[in-house]
Amino acid sequence: MSNFGGGGGGGERGGKRGKFSRFAAPRKLVEPEEALDYKNVAYLSKFVTPNGKIQSRKRTGFSGQNQRILAEAIKRARIIGLMPFVGRG
């Protein structure tokens, strides 16, 4: 048997395991309360850490599509100068 993990279980010899159990309840998708627009800086700043990093999907609860829209809006606001690239302080 090789050390390069194959299909299933994981175990001692490597292998890739899924992140979520197939028996677990499906994740609840969170919809944005306001529009994910680069001009809405007050709302976008809720999804940026104090160090200036964009929060992950796990943290925001958005779907992949909404997370990409969020990241694009934050990046546009940074380029225009409405939001800082780095944290406060």
N, C-alpha and C. Protein backbone atom coordinates (compact mmCIF):
# COMPACT_ATOMS: atom_id res chain seq x y z
N MET A 1 0.84 -1.18 0.00
CA MET A 1 0.00 0.00 0.00
C MET A 1 0.89 1.24 0.00
N SER A 2 0.51 2.24 -0.77
CA SER A 2 1.35 3.43 -0.88
C SER A 2 1.00 4.44 0.20
N ASN A 3 1.90 5.39 0.39
CA ASN A 3 1.67 6.44 1.37
C ASN A 3 0.87 7.60 0.81
N PHE A 4 0.56 7.55 -0.47
CA PHE A 4 -0.22 8.61 -1.07
C PHE A 4 -1.68 8.26 -0.89
N GLY A 5 -2.35 8.99 -0.03
CA GLY A 5 -3.72 8.66 0.37
C GLY A 5 -4.64 8.49 -0.81
N GLY A 6 -5.39 7.46 -0.78
CA GLY A 6 -6.31 7.17 -1.85
C GLY A 6 -7.69 7.70 -1.54
N GLY A 7 -8.66 6.89 -1.77
CA GLY A 7 -10.05 7.30 -1.66
C GLY A 7 -10.50 7.72 -0.29
N GLY A 8 -10.63 6.85 0.62
CA GLY A 8 -11.50 7.12 1.74
C GLY A 8 -10.89 7.56 3.03
N GLY A 9 -10.89 6.76 4.00
CA GLY A 9 -10.94 7.02 5.40
C GLY A 9 -9.92 7.89 6.06
N GLY A 10 -8.77 8.08 5.55
CA GLY A 10 -7.78 8.83 6.32
C GLY A 10 -6.88 7.86 7.04
N GLY A 11 -6.95 7.84 8.34
CA GLY A 11 -6.18 6.89 9.12
C GLY A 11 -4.73 7.29 9.23
N GLU A 12 -3.88 6.30 9.52
CA GLU A 12 -2.47 6.57 9.75
C GLU A 12 -1.71 6.92 8.48
N ARG A 13 -2.14 6.39 7.38
CA ARG A 13 -1.36 6.50 6.14
C ARG A 13 -1.78 7.68 5.27
N GLY A 14 -2.20 8.74 5.85
CA GLY A 14 -2.57 9.90 5.05
C GLY A 14 -4.00 9.77 4.58
N GLY A 15 -4.23 10.14 3.37
CA GLY A 15 -5.58 10.09 2.85
C GLY A 15 -6.30 11.39 3.13
N LYS A 16 -7.25 11.66 2.30
CA LYS A 16 -7.97 12.92 2.44
C LYS A 16 -9.35 12.64 2.98
N ARG A 17 -9.73 13.35 3.99
CA ARG A 17 -11.05 13.20 4.57
C ARG A 17 -11.88 14.43 4.25
N GLY A 18 -13.17 14.23 4.13
CA GLY A 18 -14.05 15.35 3.87
C GLY A 18 -14.16 16.26 5.08
N LYS A 19 -14.52 17.51 4.84
CA LYS A 19 -14.63 18.47 5.93
C LYS A 19 -15.92 18.29 6.71
N PHE A 20 -16.98 17.85 6.03
CA PHE A 20 -18.28 17.79 6.67
C PHE A 20 -18.84 16.39 6.56
N SER A 21 -19.52 15.97 7.59
CA SER A 21 -20.16 14.67 7.59
C SER A 21 -21.37 14.71 6.67
N ARG A 22 -21.60 13.62 5.96
CA ARG A 22 -22.75 13.61 5.07
C ARG A 22 -24.05 13.43 5.83
N PHE A 23 -23.96 13.09 7.11
CA PHE A 23 -25.15 12.91 7.93
C PHE A 23 -25.49 14.17 8.72
N ALA A 24 -24.60 15.13 8.72
CA ALA A 24 -24.83 16.36 9.47
C ALA A 24 -25.90 17.19 8.78
N ALA A 25 -26.49 18.09 9.53
CA ALA A 25 -27.49 18.99 8.97
C ALA A 25 -26.81 19.90 7.95
N PRO A 26 -27.47 20.20 6.85
CA PRO A 26 -26.87 21.09 5.85
C PRO A 26 -26.62 22.48 6.42
N ARG A 27 -25.58 23.13 5.90
CA ARG A 27 -25.24 24.47 6.38
C ARG A 27 -26.33 25.46 6.02
N LYS A 28 -26.60 26.35 6.95
CA LYS A 28 -27.58 27.40 6.69
C LYS A 28 -26.90 28.53 5.94
N LEU A 29 -27.45 28.89 4.79
CA LEU A 29 -26.87 29.97 4.01
C LEU A 29 -27.35 31.31 4.54
N VAL A 30 -26.43 32.22 4.69
CA VAL A 30 -26.73 33.57 5.19
C VAL A 30 -26.75 34.51 4.00
N GLU A 31 -27.81 35.26 3.87
CA GLU A 31 -27.91 36.27 2.82
C GLU A 31 -27.43 37.60 3.38
N PRO A 32 -26.78 38.42 2.57
CA PRO A 32 -26.35 39.75 3.04
C PRO A 32 -27.55 40.62 3.41
N GLU A 33 -27.42 41.34 4.51
CA GLU A 33 -28.51 42.21 4.96
C GLU A 33 -28.65 43.43 4.04
N GLU A 34 -27.54 43.93 3.56
CA GLU A 34 -27.53 45.09 2.67
C GLU A 34 -26.80 44.71 1.39
N ALA A 35 -26.84 45.60 0.43
CA ALA A 35 -26.17 45.33 -0.85
C ALA A 35 -24.65 45.29 -0.64
N LEU A 36 -24.01 44.33 -1.30
CA LEU A 36 -22.55 44.22 -1.23
C LEU A 36 -21.96 45.12 -2.31
N ASP A 37 -21.93 46.40 -2.01
CA ASP A 37 -21.47 47.40 -2.96
C ASP A 37 -20.26 48.11 -2.37
N TYR A 38 -19.32 48.48 -3.23
CA TYR A 38 -18.08 49.10 -2.74
C TYR A 38 -18.32 50.43 -2.06
N LYS A 39 -19.45 51.07 -2.33
CA LYS A 39 -19.74 52.37 -1.72
C LYS A 39 -20.30 52.24 -0.30
N ASN A 40 -20.74 51.05 0.06
CA ASN A 40 -21.32 50.80 1.37
C ASN A 40 -20.22 50.40 2.35
N VAL A 41 -19.36 51.34 2.69
CA VAL A 41 -18.15 51.06 3.47
C VAL A 41 -18.47 50.62 4.89
N ALA A 42 -19.49 51.20 5.49
CA ALA A 42 -19.84 50.84 6.87
C ALA A 42 -20.21 49.36 6.96
N TYR A 43 -20.96 48.86 6.00
CA TYR A 43 -21.36 47.45 6.01
C TYR A 43 -20.19 46.54 5.66
N LEU A 44 -19.38 46.94 4.69
CA LEU A 44 -18.24 46.11 4.29
C LEU A 44 -17.21 45.99 5.41
N SER A 45 -17.06 47.03 6.21
CA SER A 45 -16.05 47.00 7.26
C SER A 45 -16.39 45.99 8.36
N LYS A 46 -17.64 45.53 8.43
CA LYS A 46 -18.00 44.49 9.39
C LYS A 46 -17.35 43.15 9.04
N PHE A 47 -16.92 42.98 7.79
CA PHE A 47 -16.35 41.72 7.34
C PHE A 47 -14.84 41.78 7.18
N VAL A 48 -14.22 42.77 7.80
CA VAL A 48 -12.77 42.91 7.77
C VAL A 48 -12.26 42.84 9.20
N THR A 49 -11.20 42.05 9.43
CA THR A 49 -10.64 41.92 10.78
C THR A 49 -9.93 43.21 11.18
N PRO A 50 -9.61 43.36 12.45
CA PRO A 50 -8.87 44.57 12.88
C PRO A 50 -7.51 44.70 12.20
N ASN A 51 -6.94 43.58 11.74
CA ASN A 51 -5.66 43.65 11.02
C ASN A 51 -5.82 43.99 9.56
N GLY A 52 -7.05 44.00 9.06
CA GLY A 52 -7.29 44.37 7.68
C GLY A 52 -7.55 43.20 6.75
N LYS A 53 -7.68 41.98 7.29
CA LYS A 53 -7.92 40.82 6.43
C LYS A 53 -9.42 40.62 6.21
N ILE A 54 -9.77 40.12 5.03
CA ILE A 54 -11.15 39.80 4.74
C ILE A 54 -11.49 38.50 5.46
N GLN A 55 -12.63 38.48 6.15
CA GLN A 55 -13.00 37.28 6.90
C GLN A 55 -13.40 36.14 5.96
N SER A 56 -13.23 34.92 6.44
CA SER A 56 -13.47 33.74 5.62
C SER A 56 -14.96 33.45 5.48
N ARG A 57 -15.28 32.54 4.60
CA ARG A 57 -16.65 32.10 4.39
C ARG A 57 -17.23 31.46 5.63
N LYS A 58 -16.40 30.72 6.34
CA LYS A 58 -16.86 30.08 7.57
C LYS A 58 -17.30 31.14 8.58
N ARG A 59 -16.58 32.21 8.62
CA ARG A 59 -16.86 33.27 9.59
C ARG A 59 -18.08 34.11 9.18
N THR A 60 -18.17 34.45 7.89
CA THR A 60 -19.28 35.29 7.43
C THR A 60 -20.56 34.50 7.24
N GLY A 61 -20.44 33.23 6.84
CA GLY A 61 -21.62 32.40 6.60
C GLY A 61 -22.21 32.59 5.22
N PHE A 62 -21.56 33.38 4.36
CA PHE A 62 -22.07 33.61 3.02
C PHE A 62 -21.82 32.40 2.12
N SER A 63 -22.58 32.33 1.04
CA SER A 63 -22.32 31.32 0.02
C SER A 63 -21.05 31.72 -0.73
N GLY A 64 -20.53 30.81 -1.52
CA GLY A 64 -19.31 31.11 -2.26
C GLY A 64 -19.48 32.30 -3.20
N GLN A 65 -20.64 32.36 -3.84
CA GLN A 65 -20.89 33.46 -4.77
C GLN A 65 -20.93 34.80 -4.04
N ASN A 66 -21.64 34.86 -2.91
CA ASN A 66 -21.71 36.11 -2.16
C ASN A 66 -20.36 36.47 -1.55
N GLN A 67 -19.57 35.46 -1.17
CA GLN A 67 -18.24 35.73 -0.61
C GLN A 67 -17.33 36.36 -1.66
N ARG A 68 -17.43 35.87 -2.89
CA ARG A 68 -16.63 36.46 -3.98
C ARG A 68 -17.06 37.90 -4.25
N ILE A 69 -18.37 38.15 -4.23
CA ILE A 69 -18.86 39.52 -4.43
C ILE A 69 -18.37 40.43 -3.30
N LEU A 70 -18.41 39.91 -2.07
CA LEU A 70 -17.93 40.67 -0.91
C LEU A 70 -16.45 41.02 -1.06
N ALA A 71 -15.64 40.04 -1.42
CA ALA A 71 -14.20 40.28 -1.56
C ALA A 71 -13.92 41.29 -2.66
N GLU A 72 -14.64 41.19 -3.77
CA GLU A 72 -14.45 42.13 -4.87
C GLU A 72 -14.84 43.55 -4.45
N ALA A 73 -15.93 43.68 -3.70
CA ALA A 73 -16.37 45.01 -3.25
C ALA A 73 -15.36 45.62 -2.28
N ILE A 74 -14.82 44.80 -1.38
CA ILE A 74 -13.81 45.31 -0.43
C ILE A 74 -12.56 45.74 -1.17
N LYS A 75 -12.14 44.96 -2.15
CA LYS A 75 -10.94 45.31 -2.91
C LYS A 75 -11.14 46.59 -3.71
N ARG A 76 -12.32 46.76 -4.30
CA ARG A 76 -12.60 47.99 -5.04
C ARG A 76 -12.59 49.20 -4.11
N ALA A 77 -13.21 49.05 -2.93
CA ALA A 77 -13.24 50.16 -1.97
C ALA A 77 -11.82 50.51 -1.51
N ARG A 78 -10.96 49.52 -1.39
CA ARG A 78 -9.57 49.78 -0.99
C ARG A 78 -8.83 50.53 -2.09
N ILE A 79 -9.00 50.11 -3.33
CA ILE A 79 -8.28 50.73 -4.45
C ILE A 79 -8.71 52.19 -4.61
N ILE A 80 -10.00 52.45 -4.48
CA ILE A 80 -10.49 53.82 -4.61
C ILE A 80 -10.05 54.69 -3.44
N GLY A 81 -9.83 54.07 -2.29
CA GLY A 81 -9.38 54.82 -1.13
C GLY A 81 -10.44 54.99 -0.07
N LEU A 82 -11.55 54.27 -0.19
CA LEU A 82 -12.61 54.37 0.80
C LEU A 82 -12.33 53.53 2.04
N MET A 83 -11.53 52.46 1.88
CA MET A 83 -11.18 51.58 3.00
C MET A 83 -9.67 51.44 3.05
N PRO A 84 -9.11 51.22 4.23
CA PRO A 84 -7.67 51.03 4.33
C PRO A 84 -7.26 49.61 3.94
N PHE A 85 -6.03 49.46 3.48
CA PHE A 85 -5.50 48.14 3.16
C PHE A 85 -5.05 47.42 4.42
N VAL A 86 -4.55 48.15 5.39
CA VAL A 86 -4.04 47.55 6.63
C VAL A 86 -4.94 47.92 7.79
N GLY A 87 -4.70 47.28 8.92
CA GLY A 87 -5.55 47.49 10.09
C GLY A 87 -5.39 48.85 10.72
N ARG A 88 -6.20 49.04 11.73
CA ARG A 88 -6.18 50.32 12.47
C ARG A 88 -5.17 50.23 13.59
N GLY A 89 -4.23 51.11 13.60
CA GLY A 89 -3.32 51.15 14.73
C GLY A 89 -1.99 50.70 14.35
